[in-house]
Amino acid sequence: MAKKKRYLTATMSDGYVKTIGPTAAPFTHYWRIVAEIEGRRPEVFWGHARSLKEASGKTTAAREAATQRGWKSYAFEIVALTETLA
């Protein structure tokens, strides 16, 4: 039997809402990095993960990217996804 397709929604602390789907993938968390770059507009990197542990693993990658790319500062945030019926 085919897996049920669903929509997943993440609501960030600043009010930004991201909807993913339709998907049958077992994603549970959404992560976002907002990087401040000297003299430029902020860049946003995002993704979704199958567990909180997997999403939290992006913290180290964000720290390394900030050093490597010369980000002035960055904000890293993880939120749980909620299922929305289509």
C-alpha atoms as a PDB file:
ATOM      1  CA  MET A   1       0.000   0.000   0.000  1.00  0.00           C
ATOM      2  CA  ALA A   2       1.274   3.482  -0.844  1.00  0.00           C
ATOM      3  CA  LYS A   3       2.267   5.765   2.004  1.00  0.00           C
ATOM      4  CA  LYS A   4      -0.127   8.563   2.823  1.00  0.00           C
ATOM      5  CA  LYS A   5       1.022  11.949   1.496  1.00  0.00           C
ATOM      6  CA  ARG A   6       0.846  14.794   3.998  1.00  0.00           C
ATOM      7  CA  TYR A   7       1.830  18.412   4.442  1.00  0.00           C
ATOM      8  CA  LEU A   8       4.204  19.445   7.215  1.00  0.00           C
ATOM      9  CA  THR A   9       4.309  22.961   8.650  1.00  0.00           C
ATOM     10  CA  ALA A  10       7.033  24.733  10.633  1.00  0.00           C
ATOM     11  CA  THR A  11       6.351  28.011  12.432  1.00  0.00           C
ATOM     12  CA  MET A  12       9.513  29.894  13.382  1.00  0.00           C
ATOM     13  CA  SER A  13       9.848  32.215  16.379  1.00  0.00           C
ATOM     14  CA  ASP A  14       9.767  35.297  14.127  1.00  0.00           C
ATOM     15  CA  GLY A  15       6.419  34.224  12.646  1.00  0.00           C
ATOM     16  CA  TYR A  16       7.789  32.793   9.378  1.00  0.00           C
ATOM     17  CA  VAL A  17       5.774  29.737   8.281  1.00  0.00           C
ATOM     18  CA  LYS A  18       7.243  27.069   5.994  1.00  0.00           C
ATOM     19  CA  THR A  19       5.101  24.293   4.501  1.00  0.00           C
ATOM     20  CA  ILE A  20       6.653  21.132   3.090  1.00  0.00           C
ATOM     21  CA  GLY A  21       4.741  18.687   0.949  1.00  0.00           C
ATOM     22  CA  PRO A  22       2.991  16.752  -0.128  1.00  0.00           C
ATOM     23  CA  THR A  23       5.424  14.161   1.202  1.00  0.00           C
ATOM     24  CA  ALA A  24       5.431  10.663   2.627  1.00  0.00           C
ATOM     25  CA  ALA A  25       8.905  11.148   4.155  1.00  0.00           C
ATOM     26  CA  PRO A  26       9.099  10.877   7.959  1.00  0.00           C
ATOM     27  CA  PHE A  27      10.443  14.381   8.633  1.00  0.00           C
ATOM     28  CA  THR A  28       9.985  15.622  12.213  1.00  0.00           C
ATOM     29  CA  HIS A  29      12.002  18.861  12.438  1.00  0.00           C
ATOM     30  CA  TYR A  30      12.858  21.934  10.360  1.00  0.00           C
ATOM     31  CA  TRP A  31      16.084  23.908  10.769  1.00  0.00           C
ATOM     32  CA  ARG A  32      17.072  27.349   9.523  1.00  0.00           C
ATOM     33  CA  ILE A  33      20.280  29.399   9.509  1.00  0.00           C
ATOM     34  CA  VAL A  34      20.077  33.147   8.892  1.00  0.00           C
ATOM     35  CA  ALA A  35      23.616  34.362   8.138  1.00  0.00           C
ATOM     36  CA  GLU A  36      24.575  38.040   8.378  1.00  0.00           C
ATOM     37  CA  ILE A  37      27.213  38.849   5.782  1.00  0.00           C
ATOM     38  CA  GLU A  38      29.233  42.067   5.846  1.00  0.00           C
ATOM     39  CA  GLY A  39      27.764  44.600   3.418  1.00  0.00           C
ATOM     40  CA  ARG A  40      25.141  42.225   1.979  1.00  0.00           C
ATOM     41  CA  ARG A  41      21.627  41.046   2.633  1.00  0.00           C
ATOM     42  CA  PRO A  42      21.239  38.106   5.024  1.00  0.00           C
ATOM     43  CA  GLU A  43      21.391  34.652   3.461  1.00  0.00           C
ATOM     44  CA  VAL A  44      19.010  31.926   4.594  1.00  0.00           C
ATOM     45  CA  PHE A  45      19.819  28.210   4.589  1.00  0.00           C
ATOM     46  CA  TRP A  46      17.205  25.649   5.606  1.00  0.00           C
ATOM     47  CA  GLY A  47      16.345  21.991   5.618  1.00  0.00           C
ATOM     48  CA  HIS A  48      14.310  19.298   7.281  1.00  0.00           C
ATOM     49  CA  ALA A  49      15.403  16.275   9.286  1.00  0.00           C
ATOM     50  CA  ARG A  50      14.072  12.922  10.395  1.00  0.00           C
ATOM     51  CA  SER A  51      14.896  13.535  14.076  1.00  0.00           C
ATOM     52  CA  LEU A  52      15.846  16.251  16.541  1.00  0.00           C
ATOM     53  CA  LYS A  53      19.297  14.650  16.819  1.00  0.00           C
ATOM     54  CA  GLU A  54      19.821  14.888  13.055  1.00  0.00           C
ATOM     55  CA  ALA A  55      18.698  18.544  13.007  1.00  0.00           C
ATOM     56  CA  SER A  56      20.894  19.401  16.007  1.00  0.00           C
ATOM     57  CA  GLY A  57      23.874  17.978  14.127  1.00  0.00           C
ATOM     58  CA  LYS A  58      23.682  20.993  11.805  1.00  0.00           C
ATOM     59  CA  THR A  59      24.914  23.220  14.678  1.00  0.00           C
ATOM     60  CA  THR A  60      28.516  22.164  14.106  1.00  0.00           C
ATOM     61  CA  ALA A  61      28.174  22.628  10.352  1.00  0.00           C
ATOM     62  CA  ALA A  62      26.773  26.138  10.900  1.00  0.00           C
ATOM     63  CA  ARG A  63      29.693  27.069  13.160  1.00  0.00           C
ATOM     64  CA  GLU A  64      32.209  25.790  10.595  1.00  0.00           C
ATOM     65  CA  ALA A  65      30.430  27.592   7.735  1.00  0.00           C
ATOM     66  CA  ALA A  66      30.477  30.867   9.692  1.00  0.00           C
ATOM     67  CA  THR A  67      34.254  30.621  10.061  1.00  0.00           C
ATOM     68  CA  GLN A  68      34.889  29.404   6.522  1.00  0.00           C
ATOM     69  CA  ARG A  69      32.622  31.926   4.776  1.00  0.00           C
ATOM     70  CA  GLY A  70      33.327  34.909   7.007  1.00  0.00           C
ATOM     71  CA  TRP A  71      29.794  35.441   8.305  1.00  0.00           C
ATOM     72  CA  LYS A  72      29.499  38.470  10.585  1.00  0.00           C
ATOM     73  CA  SER A  73      26.965  36.532  12.703  1.00  0.00           C
ATOM     74  CA  TYR A  74      24.285  33.889  12.291  1.00  0.00           C
ATOM     75  CA  ALA A  75      21.165  32.561  13.974  1.00  0.00           C
ATOM     76  CA  PHE A  76      20.402  28.836  14.037  1.00  0.00           C
ATOM     77  CA  GLU A  77      16.919  27.612  14.926  1.00  0.00           C
ATOM     78  CA  ILE A  78      15.163  24.225  15.027  1.00  0.00           C
ATOM     79  CA  VAL A  79      11.402  23.704  15.321  1.00  0.00           C
ATOM     80  CA  ALA A  80       9.200  20.619  15.314  1.00  0.00           C
ATOM     81  CA  LEU A  81       7.064  20.057  12.224  1.00  0.00           C
ATOM     82  CA  THR A  82       3.315  19.669  12.606  1.00  0.00           C
ATOM     83  CA  GLU A  83       1.197  17.643  10.219  1.00  0.00           C
ATOM     84  CA  THR A  84      -1.438  19.533   8.239  1.00  0.00           C
ATOM     85  CA  LEU A  85      -4.191  17.733   6.408  1.00  0.00           C
ATOM     86  CA  ALA A  86      -4.385  18.497   2.699  1.00  0.00           C
END
